[in-house]
Amino acid sequence: MELSITSKDSYSQRRLRDLRVIQRKKLKGNTLIVIEHNLNVIKCADWVIDMGPGGGNAGGRIVAEGTPAQVAKSAKSVTGPYLKKLL
């Protein structure tokens, strides 16, 4: 998937640089584990582990896992409906 960020602010530019580094490492055959909340990053993942169902004491359990498309279809995933809009 193509990585792109339209914002010109320095945070977005750093984020795009970081994502390109991750993508290069992945293409070289490395296994990467990335903890991320940004849906534009999540949609590019090979595999997603969605933790929840809430934060803090209400979280910490796997509620969905699979490809981004599989997580998007999960009824238990809070992330799924938002991710579905981007796929």
PDB file of N, CA and C in Angstrom:
ATOM      1  N   MET A   1       0.827  -1.173   0.000  1.00  0.00           N
ATOM      2  CA  MET A   1       0.000   0.000   0.000  1.00  0.00           C
ATOM      3  C   MET A   1       0.870   1.234   0.000  1.00  0.00           C
ATOM      4  N   GLU A   2       0.432   2.254  -0.646  1.00  0.00           N
ATOM      5  CA  GLU A   2       1.168   3.517  -0.712  1.00  0.00           C
ATOM      6  C   GLU A   2       0.999   4.286   0.591  1.00  0.00           C
ATOM      7  N   LEU A   3       2.077   4.795   1.121  1.00  0.00           N
ATOM      8  CA  LEU A   3       2.041   5.614   2.316  1.00  0.00           C
ATOM      9  C   LEU A   3       2.079   7.072   1.919  1.00  0.00           C
ATOM     10  N   SER A   4       1.097   7.824   2.368  1.00  0.00           N
ATOM     11  CA  SER A   4       1.103   9.251   2.055  1.00  0.00           C
ATOM     12  C   SER A   4       0.408  10.024   3.166  1.00  0.00           C
ATOM     13  N   ILE A   5       0.919  11.195   3.427  1.00  0.00           N
ATOM     14  CA  ILE A   5       0.328  12.119   4.387  1.00  0.00           C
ATOM     15  C   ILE A   5       0.266  13.471   3.691  1.00  0.00           C
ATOM     16  N   THR A   6      -0.905  14.074   3.676  1.00  0.00           N
ATOM     17  CA  THR A   6      -1.074  15.317   2.919  1.00  0.00           C
ATOM     18  C   THR A   6      -0.639  16.557   3.696  1.00  0.00           C
ATOM     19  N   SER A   7      -0.608  16.481   5.013  1.00  0.00           N
ATOM     20  CA  SER A   7      -0.249  17.632   5.821  1.00  0.00           C
ATOM     21  C   SER A   7       1.223  17.989   5.625  1.00  0.00           C
ATOM     22  N   LYS A   8       1.520  19.270   5.696  1.00  0.00           N
ATOM     23  CA  LYS A   8       2.895  19.754   5.536  1.00  0.00           C
ATOM     24  C   LYS A   8       3.572  20.040   6.870  1.00  0.00           C
ATOM     25  N   ASP A   9       2.867  19.812   8.001  1.00  0.00           N
ATOM     26  CA  ASP A   9       3.493  20.129   9.278  1.00  0.00           C
ATOM     27  C   ASP A   9       4.629  19.149   9.575  1.00  0.00           C
ATOM     28  N   SER A  10       5.537  19.564  10.445  1.00  0.00           N
ATOM     29  CA  SER A  10       6.752  18.789  10.686  1.00  0.00           C
ATOM     30  C   SER A  10       6.447  17.435  11.329  1.00  0.00           C
ATOM     31  N   TYR A  11       5.415  17.352  12.195  1.00  0.00           N
ATOM     32  CA  TYR A  11       5.062  16.071  12.794  1.00  0.00           C
ATOM     33  C   TYR A  11       4.661  15.074  11.710  1.00  0.00           C
ATOM     34  N   SER A  12       3.823  15.496  10.786  1.00  0.00           N
ATOM     35  CA  SER A  12       3.376  14.607   9.711  1.00  0.00           C
ATOM     36  C   SER A  12       4.534  14.192   8.821  1.00  0.00           C
ATOM     37  N   GLN A  13       5.450  15.096   8.573  1.00  0.00           N
ATOM     38  CA  GLN A  13       6.602  14.766   7.742  1.00  0.00           C
ATOM     39  C   GLN A  13       7.511  13.758   8.442  1.00  0.00           C
ATOM     40  N   ARG A  14       7.697  13.899   9.752  1.00  0.00           N
ATOM     41  CA  ARG A  14       8.480  12.922  10.512  1.00  0.00           C
ATOM     42  C   ARG A  14       7.784  11.572  10.518  1.00  0.00           C
ATOM     43  N   ARG A  15       6.481  11.594  10.671  1.00  0.00           N
ATOM     44  CA  ARG A  15       5.699  10.356  10.676  1.00  0.00           C
ATOM     45  C   ARG A  15       5.842   9.639   9.335  1.00  0.00           C
ATOM     46  N   LEU A  16       5.756  10.373   8.251  1.00  0.00           N
ATOM     47  CA  LEU A  16       5.908   9.780   6.927  1.00  0.00           C
ATOM     48  C   LEU A  16       7.301   9.184   6.768  1.00  0.00           C
ATOM     49  N   ARG A  17       8.321   9.878   7.237  1.00  0.00           N
ATOM     50  CA  ARG A  17       9.690   9.352   7.181  1.00  0.00           C
ATOM     51  C   ARG A  17       9.801   8.050   7.979  1.00  0.00           C
ATOM     52  N   ASP A  18       9.218   8.042   9.171  1.00  0.00           N
ATOM     53  CA  ASP A  18       9.240   6.836  10.003  1.00  0.00           C
ATOM     54  C   ASP A  18       8.528   5.681   9.306  1.00  0.00           C
ATOM     55  N   LEU A  19       7.407   5.953   8.678  1.00  0.00           N
ATOM     56  CA  LEU A  19       6.661   4.908   7.984  1.00  0.00           C
ATOM     57  C   LEU A  19       7.441   4.355   6.794  1.00  0.00           C
ATOM     58  N   ARG A  20       8.163   5.203   6.124  1.00  0.00           N
ATOM     59  CA  ARG A  20       8.988   4.742   4.998  1.00  0.00           C
ATOM     60  C   ARG A  20      10.124   3.840   5.489  1.00  0.00           C
ATOM     61  N   VAL A  21      10.694   4.174   6.650  1.00  0.00           N
ATOM     62  CA  VAL A  21      11.730   3.326   7.241  1.00  0.00           C
ATOM     63  C   VAL A  21      11.135   1.962   7.578  1.00  0.00           C
ATOM     64  N   ILE A  22       9.966   1.944   8.184  1.00  0.00           N
ATOM     65  CA  ILE A  22       9.287   0.686   8.513  1.00  0.00           C
ATOM     66  C   ILE A  22       9.037  -0.124   7.251  1.00  0.00           C
ATOM     67  N   GLN A  23       8.565   0.531   6.211  1.00  0.00           N
ATOM     68  CA  GLN A  23       8.270  -0.165   4.960  1.00  0.00           C
ATOM     69  C   GLN A  23       9.541  -0.761   4.340  1.00  0.00           C
ATOM     70  N   ARG A  24      10.649  -0.019   4.365  1.00  0.00           N
ATOM     71  CA  ARG A  24      11.908  -0.537   3.821  1.00  0.00           C
ATOM     72  C   ARG A  24      12.383  -1.763   4.599  1.00  0.00           C
ATOM     73  N   LYS A  25      12.282  -1.706   5.927  1.00  0.00           N
ATOM     74  CA  LYS A  25      12.684  -2.853   6.746  1.00  0.00           C
ATOM     75  C   LYS A  25      11.822  -4.065   6.443  1.00  0.00           C
ATOM     76  N   LYS A  26      10.536  -3.837   6.263  1.00  0.00           N
ATOM     77  CA  LYS A  26       9.614  -4.929   5.947  1.00  0.00           C
ATOM     78  C   LYS A  26       9.961  -5.558   4.600  1.00  0.00           C
ATOM     79  N   LEU A  27      10.263  -4.727   3.620  1.00  0.00           N
ATOM     80  CA  LEU A  27      10.591  -5.228   2.289  1.00  0.00           C
ATOM     81  C   LEU A  27      11.882  -6.042   2.287  1.00  0.00           C
ATOM     82  N   LYS A  28      12.745  -5.801   3.281  1.00  0.00           N
ATOM     83  CA  LYS A  28      13.990  -6.566   3.399  1.00  0.00           C
ATOM     84  C   LYS A  28      13.773  -7.881   4.148  1.00  0.00           C
ATOM     85  N   GLY A  29      12.530  -8.174   4.510  1.00  0.00           N
ATOM     86  CA  GLY A  29      12.221  -9.438   5.158  1.00  0.00           C
ATOM     87  C   GLY A  29      12.206  -9.402   6.671  1.00  0.00           C
ATOM     88  N   ASN A  30      12.335  -8.222   7.254  1.00  0.00           N
ATOM     89  CA  ASN A  30      12.308  -8.107   8.707  1.00  0.00           C
ATOM     90  C   ASN A  30      10.886  -8.253   9.249  1.00  0.00           C
ATOM     91  N   THR A  31      10.772  -8.775  10.439  1.00  0.00           N
ATOM     92  CA  THR A  31       9.498  -8.823  11.145  1.00  0.00           C
ATOM     93  C   THR A  31       9.446  -7.616  12.062  1.00  0.00           C
ATOM     94  N   LEU A  32       8.353  -6.877  12.003  1.00  0.00           N
ATOM     95  CA  LEU A  32       8.218  -5.659  12.797  1.00  0.00           C
ATOM     96  C   LEU A  32       6.946  -5.711  13.617  1.00  0.00           C
ATOM     97  N   ILE A  33       7.035  -5.267  14.843  1.00  0.00           N
ATOM     98  CA  ILE A  33       5.854  -5.101  15.680  1.00  0.00           C
ATOM     99  C   ILE A  33       5.746  -3.608  15.960  1.00  0.00           C
ATOM    100  N   VAL A  34       4.614  -3.029  15.573  1.00  0.00           N
ATOM    101  CA  VAL A  34       4.399  -1.595  15.719  1.00  0.00           C
ATOM    102  C   VAL A  34       3.123  -1.383  16.522  1.00  0.00           C
ATOM    103  N   ILE A  35       3.211  -0.620  17.594  1.00  0.00           N
ATOM    104  CA  ILE A  35       2.027  -0.265  18.373  1.00  0.00           C
ATOM    105  C   ILE A  35       1.546   1.073  17.839  1.00  0.00           C
ATOM    106  N   GLU A  36       0.331   1.080  17.307  1.00  0.00           N
ATOM    107  CA  GLU A  36      -0.125   2.271  16.578  1.00  0.00           C
ATOM    108  C   GLU A  36      -1.632   2.445  16.702  1.00  0.00           C
ATOM    109  N   HIS A  37      -2.067   3.695  16.729  1.00  0.00           N
ATOM    110  CA  HIS A  37      -3.489   4.026  16.746  1.00  0.00           C
ATOM    111  C   HIS A  37      -3.943   4.686  15.451  1.00  0.00           C
ATOM    112  N   ASN A  38      -3.015   5.082  14.622  1.00  0.00           N
ATOM    113  CA  ASN A  38      -3.344   5.779  13.375  1.00  0.00           C
ATOM    114  C   ASN A  38      -3.871   4.776  12.351  1.00  0.00           C
ATOM    115  N   LEU A  39      -5.108   4.972  11.921  1.00  0.00           N
ATOM    116  CA  LEU A  39      -5.748   4.037  10.996  1.00  0.00           C
ATOM    117  C   LEU A  39      -5.031   3.950   9.652  1.00  0.00           C
ATOM    118  N   ASN A  40      -4.394   5.027   9.231  1.00  0.00           N
ATOM    119  CA  ASN A  40      -3.660   4.999   7.960  1.00  0.00           C
ATOM    120  C   ASN A  40      -2.432   4.102   8.043  1.00  0.00           C
ATOM    121  N   VAL A  41      -1.916   3.912   9.239  1.00  0.00           N
ATOM    122  CA  VAL A  41      -0.802   2.987   9.443  1.00  0.00           C
ATOM    123  C   VAL A  41      -1.355   1.567   9.590  1.00  0.00           C
ATOM    124  N   ILE A  42      -2.412   1.420  10.366  1.00  0.00           N
ATOM    125  CA  ILE A  42      -2.999   0.109  10.607  1.00  0.00           C
ATOM    126  C   ILE A  42      -3.438  -0.549   9.303  1.00  0.00           C
ATOM    127  N   LYS A  43      -4.005   0.232   8.387  1.00  0.00           N
ATOM    128  CA  LYS A  43      -4.505  -0.353   7.134  1.00  0.00           C
ATOM    129  C   LYS A  43      -3.384  -0.924   6.265  1.00  0.00           C
ATOM    130  N   CYS A  44      -2.146  -0.523   6.519  1.00  0.00           N
ATOM    131  CA  CYS A  44      -1.002  -1.019   5.747  1.00  0.00           C
ATOM    132  C   CYS A  44      -0.375  -2.265   6.345  1.00  0.00           C
ATOM    133  N   ALA A  45      -0.836  -2.672   7.513  1.00  0.00           N
ATOM    134  CA  ALA A  45      -0.228  -3.808   8.206  1.00  0.00           C
ATOM    135  C   ALA A  45      -0.574  -5.130   7.530  1.00  0.00           C
ATOM    136  N   ASP A  46       0.327  -6.098   7.687  1.00  0.00           N
ATOM    137  CA  ASP A  46       0.039  -7.462   7.244  1.00  0.00           C
ATOM    138  C   ASP A  46      -0.903  -8.146   8.230  1.00  0.00           C
ATOM    139  N   TRP A  47      -0.736  -7.841   9.508  1.00  0.00           N
ATOM    140  CA  TRP A  47      -1.499  -8.496  10.567  1.00  0.00           C
ATOM    141  C   TRP A  47      -1.774  -7.488  11.668  1.00  0.00           C
ATOM    142  N   VAL A  48      -2.990  -7.483  12.187  1.00  0.00           N
ATOM    143  CA  VAL A  48      -3.389  -6.548  13.236  1.00  0.00           C
ATOM    144  C   VAL A  48      -3.846  -7.342  14.451  1.00  0.00           C
ATOM    145  N   ILE A  49      -3.404  -6.927  15.625  1.00  0.00           N
ATOM    146  CA  ILE A  49      -3.912  -7.469  16.883  1.00  0.00           C
ATOM    147  C   ILE A  49      -4.601  -6.312  17.586  1.00  0.00           C
ATOM    148  N   ASP A  50      -5.924  -6.379  17.680  1.00  0.00           N
ATOM    149  CA  ASP A  50      -6.735  -5.319  18.270  1.00  0.00           C
ATOM    150  C   ASP A  50      -6.985  -5.653  19.733  1.00  0.00           C
ATOM    151  N   MET A  51      -6.493  -4.791  20.616  1.00  0.00           N
ATOM    152  CA  MET A  51      -6.618  -5.001  22.051  1.00  0.00           C
ATOM    153  C   MET A  51      -7.797  -4.199  22.580  1.00  0.00           C
ATOM    154  N   GLY A  52      -8.407  -4.704  23.623  1.00  0.00           N
ATOM    155  CA  GLY A  52      -9.542  -3.986  24.190  1.00  0.00           C
ATOM    156  C   GLY A  52     -10.229  -4.827  25.252  1.00  0.00           C
ATOM    157  N   PRO A  53     -11.517  -4.666  25.450  1.00  0.00           N
ATOM    158  CA  PRO A  53     -12.411  -3.870  24.618  1.00  0.00           C
ATOM    159  C   PRO A  53     -12.357  -2.376  24.917  1.00  0.00           C
ATOM    160  N   GLY A  54     -11.761  -1.994  26.021  1.00  0.00           N
ATOM    161  CA  GLY A  54     -11.624  -0.585  26.360  1.00  0.00           C
ATOM    162  C   GLY A  54     -10.190  -0.290  26.753  1.00  0.00           C
ATOM    163  N   GLY A  55     -10.007   0.839  27.419  1.00  0.00           N
ATOM    164  CA  GLY A  55      -8.679   1.207  27.889  1.00  0.00           C
ATOM    165  C   GLY A  55      -8.507   0.884  29.363  1.00  0.00           C
ATOM    166  N   GLY A  56      -7.288   0.955  29.834  1.00  0.00           N
ATOM    167  CA  GLY A  56      -7.014   0.731  31.256  1.00  0.00           C
ATOM    168  C   GLY A  56      -7.456  -0.638  31.725  1.00  0.00           C
ATOM    169  N   ASN A  57      -8.168  -0.678  32.860  1.00  0.00           N
ATOM    170  CA  ASN A  57      -8.642  -1.946  33.424  1.00  0.00           C
ATOM    171  C   ASN A  57      -9.662  -2.635  32.529  1.00  0.00           C
ATOM    172  N   ALA A  58     -10.274  -1.909  31.621  1.00  0.00           N
ATOM    173  CA  ALA A  58     -11.280  -2.485  30.717  1.00  0.00           C
ATOM    174  C   ALA A  58     -10.647  -3.083  29.466  1.00  0.00           C
ATOM    175  N   GLY A  59      -9.332  -3.044  29.376  1.00  0.00           N
ATOM    176  CA  GLY A  59      -8.656  -3.525  28.174  1.00  0.00           C
ATOM    177  C   GLY A  59      -7.693  -4.653  28.462  1.00  0.00           C
ATOM    178  N   GLY A  60      -6.760  -4.821  27.520  1.00  0.00           N
ATOM    179  CA  GLY A  60      -5.721  -5.804  27.716  1.00  0.00           C
ATOM    180  C   GLY A  60      -6.021  -7.181  27.182  1.00  0.00           C
ATOM    181  N   ARG A  61      -7.141  -7.328  26.492  1.00  0.00           N
ATOM    182  CA  ARG A  61      -7.485  -8.617  25.900  1.00  0.00           C
ATOM    183  C   ARG A  61      -7.537  -8.475  24.384  1.00  0.00           C
ATOM    184  N   ILE A  62      -7.212  -9.545  23.680  1.00  0.00           N
ATOM    185  CA  ILE A  62      -7.322  -9.535  22.220  1.00  0.00           C
ATOM    186  C   ILE A  62      -8.795  -9.663  21.861  1.00  0.00           C
ATOM    187  N   VAL A  63      -9.334  -8.651  21.174  1.00  0.00           N
ATOM    188  CA  VAL A  63     -10.737  -8.689  20.753  1.00  0.00           C
ATOM    189  C   VAL A  63     -10.866  -9.070  19.288  1.00  0.00           C
ATOM    190  N   ALA A  64      -9.813  -8.857  18.517  1.00  0.00           N
ATOM    191  CA  ALA A  64      -9.814  -9.239  17.105  1.00  0.00           C
ATOM    192  C   ALA A  64      -8.379  -9.321  16.622  1.00  0.00           C
ATOM    193  N   GLU A  65      -8.159 -10.210  15.643  1.00  0.00           N
ATOM    194  CA  GLU A  65      -6.842 -10.270  15.013  1.00  0.00           C
ATOM    195  C   GLU A  65      -7.013 -10.820  13.615  1.00  0.00           C
ATOM    196  N   GLY A  66      -6.088 -10.414  12.759  1.00  0.00           N
ATOM    197  CA  GLY A  66      -6.115 -10.863  11.379  1.00  0.00           C
ATOM    198  C   GLY A  66      -5.617  -9.766  10.471  1.00  0.00           C
ATOM    199  N   THR A  67      -5.913  -9.902   9.205  1.00  0.00           N
ATOM    200  CA  THR A  67      -5.562  -8.845   8.262  1.00  0.00           C
ATOM    201  C   THR A  67      -6.421  -7.628   8.576  1.00  0.00           C
ATOM    202  N   PRO A  68      -6.056  -6.451   8.072  1.00  0.00           N
ATOM    203  CA  PRO A  68      -6.908  -5.289   8.305  1.00  0.00           C
ATOM    204  C   PRO A  68      -8.360  -5.525   7.853  1.00  0.00           C
ATOM    205  N   ALA A  69      -8.547  -6.221   6.731  1.00  0.00           N
ATOM    206  CA  ALA A  69      -9.902  -6.501   6.244  1.00  0.00           C
ATOM    207  C   ALA A  69     -10.667  -7.411   7.204  1.00  0.00           C
ATOM    208  N   GLN A  70      -9.979  -8.384   7.790  1.00  0.00           N
ATOM    209  CA  GLN A  70     -10.631  -9.280   8.742  1.00  0.00           C
ATOM    210  C   GLN A  70     -11.011  -8.540  10.020  1.00  0.00           C
ATOM    211  N   VAL A  71     -10.133  -7.696  10.516  1.00  0.00           N
ATOM    212  CA  VAL A  71     -10.430  -6.918  11.717  1.00  0.00           C
ATOM    213  C   VAL A  71     -11.578  -5.952  11.443  1.00  0.00           C
ATOM    214  N   ALA A  72     -11.618  -5.387  10.251  1.00  0.00           N
ATOM    215  CA  ALA A  72     -12.688  -4.457   9.885  1.00  0.00           C
ATOM    216  C   ALA A  72     -14.062  -5.128   9.937  1.00  0.00           C
ATOM    217  N   LYS A  73     -14.101  -6.424   9.752  1.00  0.00           N
ATOM    218  CA  LYS A  73     -15.371  -7.168   9.761  1.00  0.00           C
ATOM    219  C   LYS A  73     -15.741  -7.703  11.147  1.00  0.00           C
ATOM    220  N   SER A  74     -14.839  -7.591  12.107  1.00  0.00           N
ATOM    221  CA  SER A  74     -15.068  -8.164  13.425  1.00  0.00           C
ATOM    222  C   SER A  74     -16.107  -7.367  14.208  1.00  0.00           C
ATOM    223  N   ALA A  75     -17.105  -8.079  14.725  1.00  0.00           N
ATOM    224  CA  ALA A  75     -18.146  -7.444  15.531  1.00  0.00           C
ATOM    225  C   ALA A  75     -17.626  -7.012  16.904  1.00  0.00           C
ATOM    226  N   LYS A  76     -16.555  -7.626  17.380  1.00  0.00           N
ATOM    227  CA  LYS A  76     -16.001  -7.309  18.700  1.00  0.00           C
ATOM    228  C   LYS A  76     -15.014  -6.154  18.672  1.00  0.00           C
ATOM    229  N   SER A  77     -14.530  -5.777  17.497  1.00  0.00           N
ATOM    230  CA  SER A  77     -13.500  -4.758  17.372  1.00  0.00           C
ATOM    231  C   SER A  77     -14.091  -3.346  17.382  1.00  0.00           C
ATOM    232  N   VAL A  78     -13.567  -2.503  18.273  1.00  0.00           N
ATOM    233  CA  VAL A  78     -13.949  -1.091  18.257  1.00  0.00           C
ATOM    234  C   VAL A  78     -13.283  -0.394  17.071  1.00  0.00           C
ATOM    235  N   THR A  79     -12.099  -0.840  16.719  1.00  0.00           N
ATOM    236  CA  THR A  79     -11.336  -0.266  15.609  1.00  0.00           C
ATOM    237  C   THR A  79     -11.951  -0.627  14.257  1.00  0.00           C
ATOM    238  N   GLY A  80     -12.524  -1.831  14.160  1.00  0.00           N
ATOM    239  CA  GLY A  80     -13.026  -2.366  12.905  1.00  0.00           C
ATOM    240  C   GLY A  80     -13.903  -1.442  12.072  1.00  0.00           C
ATOM    241  N   PRO A  81     -14.956  -0.863  12.635  1.00  0.00           N
ATOM    242  CA  PRO A  81     -15.822   0.001  11.825  1.00  0.00           C
ATOM    243  C   PRO A  81     -15.105   1.220  11.228  1.00  0.00           C
ATOM    244  N   TYR A  82     -14.152   1.759  11.968  1.00  0.00           N
ATOM    245  CA  TYR A  82     -13.397   2.913  11.482  1.00  0.00           C
ATOM    246  C   TYR A  82     -12.414   2.477  10.387  1.00  0.00           C
ATOM    247  N   LEU A  83     -11.808   1.323  10.602  1.00  0.00           N
ATOM    248  CA  LEU A  83     -10.871   0.780   9.626  1.00  0.00           C
ATOM    249  C   LEU A  83     -11.592   0.420   8.324  1.00  0.00           C
ATOM    250  N   LYS A  84     -12.789  -0.091   8.439  1.00  0.00           N
ATOM    251  CA  LYS A  84     -13.595  -0.487   7.281  1.00  0.00           C
ATOM    252  C   LYS A  84     -13.810   0.685   6.327  1.00  0.00           C
ATOM    253  N   LYS A  85     -13.958   1.883   6.866  1.00  0.00           N
ATOM    254  CA  LYS A  85     -14.181   3.082   6.049  1.00  0.00           C
ATOM    255  C   LYS A  85     -12.966   3.416   5.163  1.00  0.00           C
ATOM    256  N   LEU A  86     -11.766   2.961   5.573  1.00  0.00           N
ATOM    257  CA  LEU A  86     -10.544   3.278   4.837  1.00  0.00           C
ATOM    258  C   LEU A  86     -10.132   2.200   3.840  1.00  0.00           C
ATOM    259  N   LEU A  87     -10.726   1.029   3.939  1.00  0.00           N
ATOM    260  CA  LEU A  87     -10.321  -0.075   3.066  1.00  0.00           C
ATOM    261  C   LEU A  87     -11.148  -0.115   1.791  1.00  0.00           C
TER     262      LEU A  87
END
